[in-house]
């Protein structure tokens, strides 16, 4: 493969992926295999809901296991917590103010660490790309779908991202 993109991740994110992999492999998958084997022994598999659902769920778990294994294999753990960088780097929590006056705090993390909220952004996102290497007090331009936006960086800090 030609020049794979780095999979930067925080130590806490790496640990969470490892825990999910272990839980799927040692707890959920063996339990499901037992259920599918029991359902297969009941006869006609074409109308056996336990068997059909179990096999589908087993495929989903196996797909997730492959994804987690590959992600962990490619992971580059970056720990900037507790450092005093002036510039925005991976793992930074940045307070920004939009032109409209709205204030927002974002943490730059790996692609596998995003949550359903908007507090964590991928280091590959347009917002993170605009912020990286800037300093508190700088104004950067975010290339957003609705047009360029100017953001002021108010503060940069490096928390322990557990």
N, C-alpha and C. Protein backbone atom coordinates (compact mmCIF):
# COMPACT_ATOMS: atom_id res chain seq x y z
N UNK A 1 0.84 -1.18 0.00
CA UNK A 1 0.00 0.00 0.00
C UNK A 1 0.87 1.24 0.00
N UNK A 2 0.45 2.22 -0.73
CA UNK A 2 1.23 3.44 -0.86
C UNK A 2 0.85 4.44 0.23
N UNK A 3 1.82 4.86 0.98
CA UNK A 3 1.69 5.93 1.97
C UNK A 3 0.34 5.99 2.67
N UNK A 4 0.10 5.07 3.57
CA UNK A 4 -1.14 5.09 4.35
C UNK A 4 -1.17 6.31 5.25
N UNK A 5 -2.33 6.88 5.43
CA UNK A 5 -2.48 8.03 6.30
C UNK A 5 -2.27 7.58 7.74
N UNK A 6 -1.57 8.38 8.50
CA UNK A 6 -1.33 8.07 9.91
C UNK A 6 -2.65 8.06 10.66
N UNK A 7 -2.75 7.20 11.64
CA UNK A 7 -3.93 7.11 12.49
C UNK A 7 -3.55 7.62 13.87
N UNK A 8 -3.43 8.96 13.99
CA UNK A 8 -3.08 9.54 15.28
C UNK A 8 -4.21 9.32 16.27
N UNK A 9 -3.83 9.05 17.52
CA UNK A 9 -4.83 8.77 18.55
C UNK A 9 -4.24 9.15 19.91
N UNK A 10 -5.11 9.57 20.82
CA UNK A 10 -4.65 9.90 22.17
C UNK A 10 -4.51 8.60 22.97
N UNK A 11 -3.75 8.63 24.08
CA UNK A 11 -3.63 7.42 24.90
C UNK A 11 -4.98 6.90 25.40
N UNK A 12 -5.88 7.81 25.79
CA UNK A 12 -7.21 7.40 26.25
C UNK A 12 -8.02 6.76 25.14
N UNK A 13 -7.93 7.29 23.94
CA UNK A 13 -8.64 6.72 22.80
C UNK A 13 -8.11 5.34 22.44
N UNK A 14 -6.80 5.18 22.51
CA UNK A 14 -6.17 3.88 22.23
C UNK A 14 -6.65 2.84 23.24
N UNK A 15 -6.68 3.25 24.52
CA UNK A 15 -7.12 2.33 25.58
C UNK A 15 -8.58 1.93 25.36
N UNK A 16 -9.45 2.89 24.99
CA UNK A 16 -10.86 2.58 24.75
C UNK A 16 -11.04 1.61 23.59
N UNK A 17 -10.26 1.77 22.53
CA UNK A 17 -10.35 0.84 21.40
C UNK A 17 -9.89 -0.56 21.82
N UNK A 18 -8.82 -0.63 22.62
CA UNK A 18 -8.35 -1.92 23.11
C UNK A 18 -9.41 -2.60 23.98
N UNK A 19 -10.05 -1.82 24.84
CA UNK A 19 -11.10 -2.38 25.72
C UNK A 19 -12.28 -2.88 24.91
N UNK A 20 -12.67 -2.13 23.88
CA UNK A 20 -13.79 -2.58 23.04
C UNK A 20 -13.42 -3.86 22.31
N UNK A 21 -12.22 -3.94 21.78
CA UNK A 21 -11.76 -5.15 21.09
C UNK A 21 -11.79 -6.35 22.04
N UNK A 22 -11.28 -6.17 23.25
CA UNK A 22 -11.25 -7.27 24.23
C UNK A 22 -12.67 -7.70 24.61
N UNK A 23 -13.56 -6.72 24.82
CA UNK A 23 -14.95 -7.05 25.20
C UNK A 23 -15.65 -7.82 24.08
N UNK A 24 -15.49 -7.36 22.85
CA UNK A 24 -16.12 -8.06 21.73
C UNK A 24 -15.57 -9.47 21.56
N UNK A 25 -14.24 -9.60 21.66
CA UNK A 25 -13.59 -10.88 21.41
C UNK A 25 -13.80 -11.89 22.54
N UNK A 26 -13.78 -11.42 23.80
CA UNK A 26 -13.81 -12.34 24.94
C UNK A 26 -15.18 -12.50 25.58
N UNK A 27 -16.09 -11.55 25.36
CA UNK A 27 -17.39 -11.63 26.03
C UNK A 27 -18.53 -11.80 25.02
N UNK A 28 -18.71 -10.81 24.15
CA UNK A 28 -19.87 -10.82 23.27
C UNK A 28 -19.82 -11.91 22.21
N UNK A 29 -18.68 -12.07 21.54
CA UNK A 29 -18.60 -13.06 20.46
C UNK A 29 -18.79 -14.49 20.97
N UNK A 30 -18.09 -14.92 22.04
CA UNK A 30 -18.29 -16.30 22.51
C UNK A 30 -19.74 -16.59 22.92
N UNK A 31 -20.39 -15.63 23.56
CA UNK A 31 -21.79 -15.80 23.95
C UNK A 31 -22.68 -15.98 22.72
N UNK A 32 -22.42 -15.18 21.70
CA UNK A 32 -23.22 -15.25 20.48
C UNK A 32 -22.96 -16.55 19.72
N UNK A 33 -21.72 -17.01 19.70
CA UNK A 33 -21.38 -18.28 19.04
C UNK A 33 -22.14 -19.43 19.71
N UNK A 34 -22.23 -19.41 21.03
CA UNK A 34 -22.97 -20.44 21.76
C UNK A 34 -24.45 -20.42 21.36
N UNK A 35 -25.03 -19.23 21.27
CA UNK A 35 -26.44 -19.10 20.89
C UNK A 35 -26.67 -19.59 19.47
N UNK A 36 -25.79 -19.23 18.54
CA UNK A 36 -25.93 -19.65 17.14
C UNK A 36 -25.78 -21.17 17.02
N UNK A 37 -24.85 -21.75 17.76
CA UNK A 37 -24.67 -23.21 17.73
C UNK A 37 -25.91 -23.91 18.27
N UNK A 38 -26.48 -23.39 19.34
CA UNK A 38 -27.71 -23.96 19.90
C UNK A 38 -28.85 -23.85 18.88
N UNK A 39 -28.99 -22.68 18.23
CA UNK A 39 -30.06 -22.46 17.26
C UNK A 39 -29.87 -23.35 16.04
N UNK A 40 -28.64 -23.58 15.62
CA UNK A 40 -28.37 -24.44 14.47
C UNK A 40 -28.77 -25.88 14.76
N UNK A 41 -28.66 -26.28 16.01
CA UNK A 41 -29.03 -27.64 16.39
C UNK A 41 -30.53 -27.87 16.46
N UNK A 42 -31.30 -26.83 16.35
CA UNK A 42 -32.76 -26.94 16.44
C UNK A 42 -33.42 -27.32 15.12
N UNK A 43 -32.66 -27.52 14.08
CA UNK A 43 -33.27 -27.96 12.83
C UNK A 43 -33.25 -26.89 11.76
N UNK A 44 -34.41 -26.70 11.12
CA UNK A 44 -34.55 -25.83 9.96
C UNK A 44 -34.02 -24.42 10.23
N UNK A 45 -32.93 -24.10 9.57
CA UNK A 45 -32.28 -22.81 9.81
C UNK A 45 -32.95 -21.67 9.04
N UNK A 46 -33.69 -21.98 7.98
CA UNK A 46 -34.27 -20.94 7.15
C UNK A 46 -35.36 -20.16 7.87
N UNK A 47 -35.99 -20.75 8.86
CA UNK A 47 -37.05 -20.07 9.60
C UNK A 47 -36.71 -19.89 11.08
N UNK A 48 -35.46 -20.09 11.40
CA UNK A 48 -35.02 -20.00 12.79
C UNK A 48 -34.49 -18.59 13.05
N UNK A 49 -35.28 -17.77 13.72
CA UNK A 49 -34.92 -16.38 13.99
C UNK A 49 -33.65 -16.24 14.81
N UNK A 50 -33.47 -17.11 15.81
CA UNK A 50 -32.26 -17.05 16.63
C UNK A 50 -31.02 -17.28 15.78
N UNK A 51 -31.11 -18.23 14.85
CA UNK A 51 -29.98 -18.54 14.00
C UNK A 51 -29.71 -17.40 13.01
N UNK A 52 -30.74 -16.92 12.33
CA UNK A 52 -30.59 -15.87 11.32
C UNK A 52 -30.07 -14.58 11.96
N UNK A 53 -30.70 -14.15 13.04
CA UNK A 53 -30.27 -12.93 13.72
C UNK A 53 -28.86 -13.10 14.30
N UNK A 54 -28.61 -14.26 14.88
CA UNK A 54 -27.30 -14.53 15.48
C UNK A 54 -26.17 -14.49 14.46
N UNK A 55 -26.39 -15.08 13.29
CA UNK A 55 -25.37 -15.07 12.24
C UNK A 55 -25.12 -13.64 11.74
N UNK A 56 -26.21 -12.87 11.60
CA UNK A 56 -26.06 -11.48 11.15
C UNK A 56 -25.26 -10.68 12.18
N UNK A 57 -25.61 -10.84 13.44
CA UNK A 57 -24.91 -10.13 14.52
C UNK A 57 -23.45 -10.57 14.61
N UNK A 58 -23.20 -11.84 14.38
CA UNK A 58 -21.84 -12.37 14.39
C UNK A 58 -21.00 -11.74 13.27
N UNK A 59 -21.59 -11.57 12.09
CA UNK A 59 -20.89 -10.91 10.99
C UNK A 59 -20.55 -9.46 11.35
N UNK A 60 -21.51 -8.77 12.00
CA UNK A 60 -21.27 -7.38 12.42
C UNK A 60 -20.12 -7.30 13.43
N UNK A 61 -20.12 -8.21 14.39
CA UNK A 61 -19.05 -8.23 15.39
C UNK A 61 -17.70 -8.52 14.73
N UNK A 62 -17.67 -9.49 13.81
CA UNK A 62 -16.42 -9.83 13.12
C UNK A 62 -15.91 -8.65 12.29
N UNK A 63 -16.83 -7.93 11.65
CA UNK A 63 -16.45 -6.74 10.87
C UNK A 63 -15.84 -5.68 11.79
N UNK A 64 -16.46 -5.47 12.95
CA UNK A 64 -15.95 -4.48 13.91
C UNK A 64 -14.60 -4.92 14.48
N UNK A 65 -14.44 -6.22 14.73
CA UNK A 65 -13.16 -6.74 15.22
C UNK A 65 -12.04 -6.49 14.22
N UNK A 66 -12.32 -6.72 12.94
CA UNK A 66 -11.32 -6.46 11.90
C UNK A 66 -10.96 -4.97 11.85
N UNK A 67 -11.98 -4.13 11.92
CA UNK A 67 -11.74 -2.68 11.88
C UNK A 67 -10.89 -2.24 13.08
N UNK A 68 -11.26 -2.69 14.28
CA UNK A 68 -10.52 -2.31 15.47
C UNK A 68 -9.08 -2.80 15.42
N UNK A 69 -8.89 -4.04 14.96
CA UNK A 69 -7.53 -4.60 14.87
C UNK A 69 -6.67 -3.77 13.93
N UNK A 70 -7.22 -3.42 12.77
CA UNK A 70 -6.46 -2.63 11.80
C UNK A 70 -6.20 -1.23 12.32
N UNK A 71 -7.18 -0.62 12.99
CA UNK A 71 -7.00 0.72 13.54
C UNK A 71 -5.91 0.74 14.60
N UNK A 72 -5.93 -0.25 15.48
CA UNK A 72 -4.92 -0.32 16.54
C UNK A 72 -3.53 -0.61 15.97
N UNK A 73 -3.50 -1.40 14.91
CA UNK A 73 -2.24 -1.73 14.27
C UNK A 73 -1.59 -0.49 13.65
N UNK A 74 -2.41 0.38 13.06
CA UNK A 74 -1.92 1.59 12.39
C UNK A 74 -1.79 2.79 13.34
N UNK A 75 -2.26 2.63 14.57
CA UNK A 75 -2.33 3.77 15.49
C UNK A 75 -0.95 4.31 15.87
N UNK A 76 -0.89 5.63 15.91
CA UNK A 76 0.30 6.33 16.40
C UNK A 76 -0.18 7.13 17.61
N UNK A 77 0.19 6.67 18.80
CA UNK A 77 -0.27 7.30 20.03
C UNK A 77 0.52 8.59 20.27
N UNK A 78 -0.23 9.68 20.44
CA UNK A 78 0.38 11.00 20.67
C UNK A 78 -0.16 11.52 21.99
N UNK A 79 0.75 11.78 22.92
CA UNK A 79 0.34 12.28 24.23
C UNK A 79 0.95 13.65 24.47
N UNK A 80 0.14 14.68 24.28
CA UNK A 80 0.58 16.05 24.53
C UNK A 80 0.00 16.59 25.83
N UNK A 81 -0.67 15.73 26.61
CA UNK A 81 -1.29 16.21 27.86
C UNK A 81 -0.21 16.69 28.83
N UNK A 82 -0.53 17.75 29.53
CA UNK A 82 0.38 18.28 30.52
C UNK A 82 1.53 19.09 29.95
N UNK A 83 1.58 19.23 28.62
CA UNK A 83 2.64 20.04 28.04
C UNK A 83 2.20 21.48 27.95
N UNK A 84 3.12 22.35 27.69
CA UNK A 84 2.80 23.77 27.64
C UNK A 84 3.13 24.33 26.25
N UNK A 85 2.62 23.69 25.21
CA UNK A 85 2.82 24.20 23.86
C UNK A 85 2.07 25.51 23.68
N UNK A 86 2.67 26.43 22.98
CA UNK A 86 1.99 27.67 22.66
C UNK A 86 1.10 27.48 21.44
N UNK A 87 1.52 26.62 20.57
CA UNK A 87 0.79 26.39 19.32
C UNK A 87 -0.23 25.27 19.49
N UNK A 88 -1.23 25.29 18.61
CA UNK A 88 -2.25 24.24 18.60
C UNK A 88 -1.65 23.00 17.95
N UNK A 89 -1.69 21.91 18.66
CA UNK A 89 -1.21 20.62 18.16
C UNK A 89 -2.27 19.57 18.45
N UNK A 90 -1.99 18.35 18.00
CA UNK A 90 -2.90 17.23 18.25
C UNK A 90 -3.11 17.08 19.76
N UNK A 91 -4.36 16.92 20.18
CA UNK A 91 -4.68 16.74 21.58
C UNK A 91 -4.99 18.03 22.32
N UNK A 92 -4.91 19.16 21.61
CA UNK A 92 -5.17 20.45 22.25
C UNK A 92 -6.67 20.69 22.41
N UNK A 93 -7.02 21.36 23.49
CA UNK A 93 -8.38 21.87 23.67
C UNK A 93 -8.30 23.36 23.39
N UNK A 94 -9.05 23.80 22.41
CA UNK A 94 -8.95 25.16 21.91
C UNK A 94 -10.28 25.89 22.10
N UNK A 95 -10.21 27.08 22.67
CA UNK A 95 -11.39 27.93 22.79
C UNK A 95 -11.33 28.92 21.63
N UNK A 96 -12.41 28.93 20.83
CA UNK A 96 -12.46 29.81 19.65
C UNK A 96 -13.70 30.68 19.71
N UNK A 97 -13.62 31.83 19.04
CA UNK A 97 -14.76 32.73 18.93
C UNK A 97 -14.99 32.98 17.45
N UNK A 98 -16.23 32.73 17.00
CA UNK A 98 -16.61 32.98 15.61
C UNK A 98 -16.86 34.47 15.40
N UNK A 99 -16.95 34.88 14.15
CA UNK A 99 -17.25 36.28 13.80
C UNK A 99 -18.56 36.75 14.42
N UNK A 100 -19.49 35.82 14.61
CA UNK A 100 -20.80 36.15 15.17
C UNK A 100 -20.73 36.39 16.67
N UNK A 101 -19.59 36.08 17.28
CA UNK A 101 -19.44 36.24 18.73
C UNK A 101 -19.66 34.95 19.50
N UNK A 102 -20.11 33.89 18.80
CA UNK A 102 -20.32 32.60 19.46
C UNK A 102 -18.98 32.01 19.87
N UNK A 103 -18.92 31.51 21.10
CA UNK A 103 -17.70 30.88 21.61
C UNK A 103 -17.89 29.38 21.63
N UNK A 104 -16.84 28.66 21.33
CA UNK A 104 -16.90 27.20 21.27
C UNK A 104 -15.56 26.65 21.73
N UNK A 105 -15.62 25.50 22.39
CA UNK A 105 -14.40 24.83 22.83
C UNK A 105 -14.35 23.47 22.14
N UNK A 106 -13.25 23.19 21.45
CA UNK A 106 -13.09 21.92 20.75
C UNK A 106 -11.77 21.27 21.14
N UNK A 107 -11.75 19.95 21.11
CA UNK A 107 -10.54 19.19 21.37
C UNK A 107 -10.18 18.44 20.11
N UNK A 108 -8.95 18.53 19.68
CA UNK A 108 -8.50 17.89 18.45
C UNK A 108 -8.01 16.49 18.78
N UNK A 109 -8.71 15.48 18.24
CA UNK A 109 -8.44 14.08 18.54
C UNK A 109 -8.36 13.26 17.24
N UNK A 110 -8.14 11.96 17.39
CA UNK A 110 -8.06 11.06 16.25
C UNK A 110 -9.44 10.74 15.68
N UNK A 111 -9.46 10.21 14.47
CA UNK A 111 -10.72 9.92 13.79
C UNK A 111 -11.54 8.84 14.50
N UNK A 112 -10.90 7.99 15.28
CA UNK A 112 -11.61 6.93 16.00
C UNK A 112 -12.10 7.38 17.37
N UNK A 113 -11.90 8.64 17.71
CA UNK A 113 -12.25 9.13 19.05
C UNK A 113 -13.41 10.11 19.07
N UNK A 114 -14.03 10.34 17.95
CA UNK A 114 -15.11 11.31 17.87
C UNK A 114 -16.30 10.84 18.69
N UNK A 115 -17.05 11.80 19.23
CA UNK A 115 -18.26 11.46 19.97
C UNK A 115 -19.45 12.10 19.26
N UNK A 116 -20.63 11.84 19.75
CA UNK A 116 -21.83 12.34 19.09
C UNK A 116 -22.00 13.85 19.25
N UNK A 117 -21.34 14.44 20.22
CA UNK A 117 -21.40 15.89 20.40
C UNK A 117 -20.46 16.58 19.43
N UNK A 118 -20.26 17.84 19.64
CA UNK A 118 -19.35 18.56 18.76
C UNK A 118 -18.12 19.07 19.50
N UNK A 119 -17.84 18.50 20.67
CA UNK A 119 -16.70 18.94 21.47
C UNK A 119 -15.38 18.35 20.97
N UNK A 120 -15.43 17.22 20.31
CA UNK A 120 -14.21 16.58 19.80
C UNK A 120 -14.26 16.60 18.28
N UNK A 121 -13.18 17.09 17.68
CA UNK A 121 -13.10 17.13 16.22
C UNK A 121 -11.87 16.36 15.76
N UNK A 122 -11.99 15.74 14.62
CA UNK A 122 -10.89 14.98 14.05
C UNK A 122 -9.78 15.93 13.61
N UNK A 123 -8.55 15.49 13.76
CA UNK A 123 -7.40 16.28 13.33
C UNK A 123 -7.40 16.46 11.82
N UNK A 124 -8.22 15.67 11.11
CA UNK A 124 -8.30 15.77 9.66
C UNK A 124 -9.46 16.66 9.20
N UNK A 125 -10.24 17.17 10.13
CA UNK A 125 -11.40 18.01 9.79
C UNK A 125 -10.93 19.40 9.34
N UNK A 126 -11.78 20.09 8.56
CA UNK A 126 -11.42 21.46 8.15
C UNK A 126 -11.17 22.39 9.33
N UNK A 127 -11.95 22.25 10.40
CA UNK A 127 -11.76 23.11 11.57
C UNK A 127 -10.38 22.87 12.19
N UNK A 128 -10.03 21.62 12.40
CA UNK A 128 -8.73 21.31 13.01
C UNK A 128 -7.59 21.77 12.11
N UNK A 129 -7.73 21.57 10.81
CA UNK A 129 -6.68 21.99 9.89
C UNK A 129 -6.47 23.50 9.95
N UNK A 130 -7.57 24.25 10.14
CA UNK A 130 -7.45 25.70 10.24
C UNK A 130 -6.74 26.09 11.54
N UNK A 131 -6.98 25.32 12.60
CA UNK A 131 -6.44 25.67 13.92
C UNK A 131 -5.00 25.22 14.13
N UNK A 132 -4.62 24.08 13.55
CA UNK A 132 -3.30 23.51 13.82
C UNK A 132 -2.18 24.50 13.52
N UNK A 133 -1.26 24.59 14.40
CA UNK A 133 -0.05 25.44 14.42
C UNK A 133 -0.32 26.90 14.75
N UNK A 134 -1.57 27.31 14.93
CA UNK A 134 -1.86 28.68 15.33
C UNK A 134 -1.63 28.82 16.83
N UNK A 135 -1.66 30.05 17.32
CA UNK A 135 -1.46 30.34 18.75
C UNK A 135 -2.65 31.10 19.30
N UNK A 136 -2.75 31.14 20.62
CA UNK A 136 -3.78 31.95 21.26
C UNK A 136 -3.58 33.40 20.82
N UNK A 137 -4.67 34.06 20.45
CA UNK A 137 -4.61 35.43 19.97
C UNK A 137 -4.60 35.53 18.46
N UNK A 138 -4.29 34.42 17.76
CA UNK A 138 -4.28 34.42 16.30
C UNK A 138 -5.71 34.38 15.76
N UNK A 139 -5.88 34.86 14.56
CA UNK A 139 -7.13 34.74 13.83
C UNK A 139 -6.85 33.87 12.61
N UNK A 140 -7.67 32.82 12.43
CA UNK A 140 -7.49 31.89 11.31
C UNK A 140 -8.75 31.90 10.45
N UNK A 141 -8.61 31.38 9.23
CA UNK A 141 -9.74 31.30 8.32
C UNK A 141 -10.15 29.84 8.17
N UNK A 142 -11.39 29.57 8.48
CA UNK A 142 -11.98 28.23 8.31
C UNK A 142 -12.67 28.20 6.96
N UNK A 143 -12.30 27.26 6.14
CA UNK A 143 -12.94 27.10 4.83
C UNK A 143 -14.14 26.18 5.01
N UNK A 144 -15.29 26.80 5.28
CA UNK A 144 -16.52 26.07 5.55
C UNK A 144 -17.34 25.97 4.27
N UNK A 145 -18.28 25.00 4.19
CA UNK A 145 -19.13 24.86 3.00
C UNK A 145 -19.92 26.13 2.67
N UNK A 146 -20.29 26.89 3.67
CA UNK A 146 -21.07 28.10 3.42
C UNK A 146 -20.17 29.31 3.14
N UNK A 147 -18.88 29.09 3.07
CA UNK A 147 -17.93 30.16 2.77
C UNK A 147 -16.91 30.30 3.88
N UNK A 148 -15.86 31.09 3.62
CA UNK A 148 -14.81 31.26 4.62
C UNK A 148 -15.33 31.98 5.87
N UNK A 149 -14.87 31.51 7.02
CA UNK A 149 -15.22 32.13 8.30
C UNK A 149 -13.93 32.44 9.05
N UNK A 150 -13.91 33.57 9.72
CA UNK A 150 -12.75 33.94 10.51
C UNK A 150 -13.00 33.56 11.97
N UNK A 151 -12.00 32.92 12.55
CA UNK A 151 -12.09 32.46 13.94
C UNK A 151 -10.93 33.05 14.73
N UNK A 152 -11.23 33.48 15.93
CA UNK A 152 -10.17 33.95 16.81
C UNK A 152 -9.89 32.88 17.85
N UNK A 153 -8.64 32.57 18.04
CA UNK A 153 -8.25 31.58 19.04
C UNK A 153 -8.04 32.32 20.35
N UNK A 154 -8.87 31.97 21.34
CA UNK A 154 -8.83 32.65 22.63
C UNK A 154 -7.84 31.96 23.57
N UNK A 155 -7.88 30.62 23.62
CA UNK A 155 -7.03 29.90 24.55
C UNK A 155 -6.67 28.53 23.99
N UNK A 156 -5.51 28.04 24.39
CA UNK A 156 -5.03 26.71 24.01
C UNK A 156 -4.54 26.03 25.27
N UNK A 157 -5.05 24.82 25.52
CA UNK A 157 -4.55 24.08 26.68
C UNK A 157 -4.48 22.59 26.32
N UNK A 158 -3.72 21.86 27.10
CA UNK A 158 -3.53 20.43 26.88
C UNK A 158 -3.95 19.68 28.13
N UNK A 159 -5.17 19.12 28.10
CA UNK A 159 -5.70 18.35 29.21
C UNK A 159 -5.33 16.89 29.08
N UNK A 160 -5.49 16.14 30.15
CA UNK A 160 -5.31 14.69 30.11
C UNK A 160 -6.57 14.11 29.47
N UNK A 161 -6.44 13.53 28.29
CA UNK A 161 -7.60 13.03 27.55
C UNK A 161 -7.85 11.56 27.82
N UNK A 162 -8.35 11.26 28.98
CA UNK A 162 -8.63 9.87 29.36
C UNK A 162 -9.96 9.42 28.85
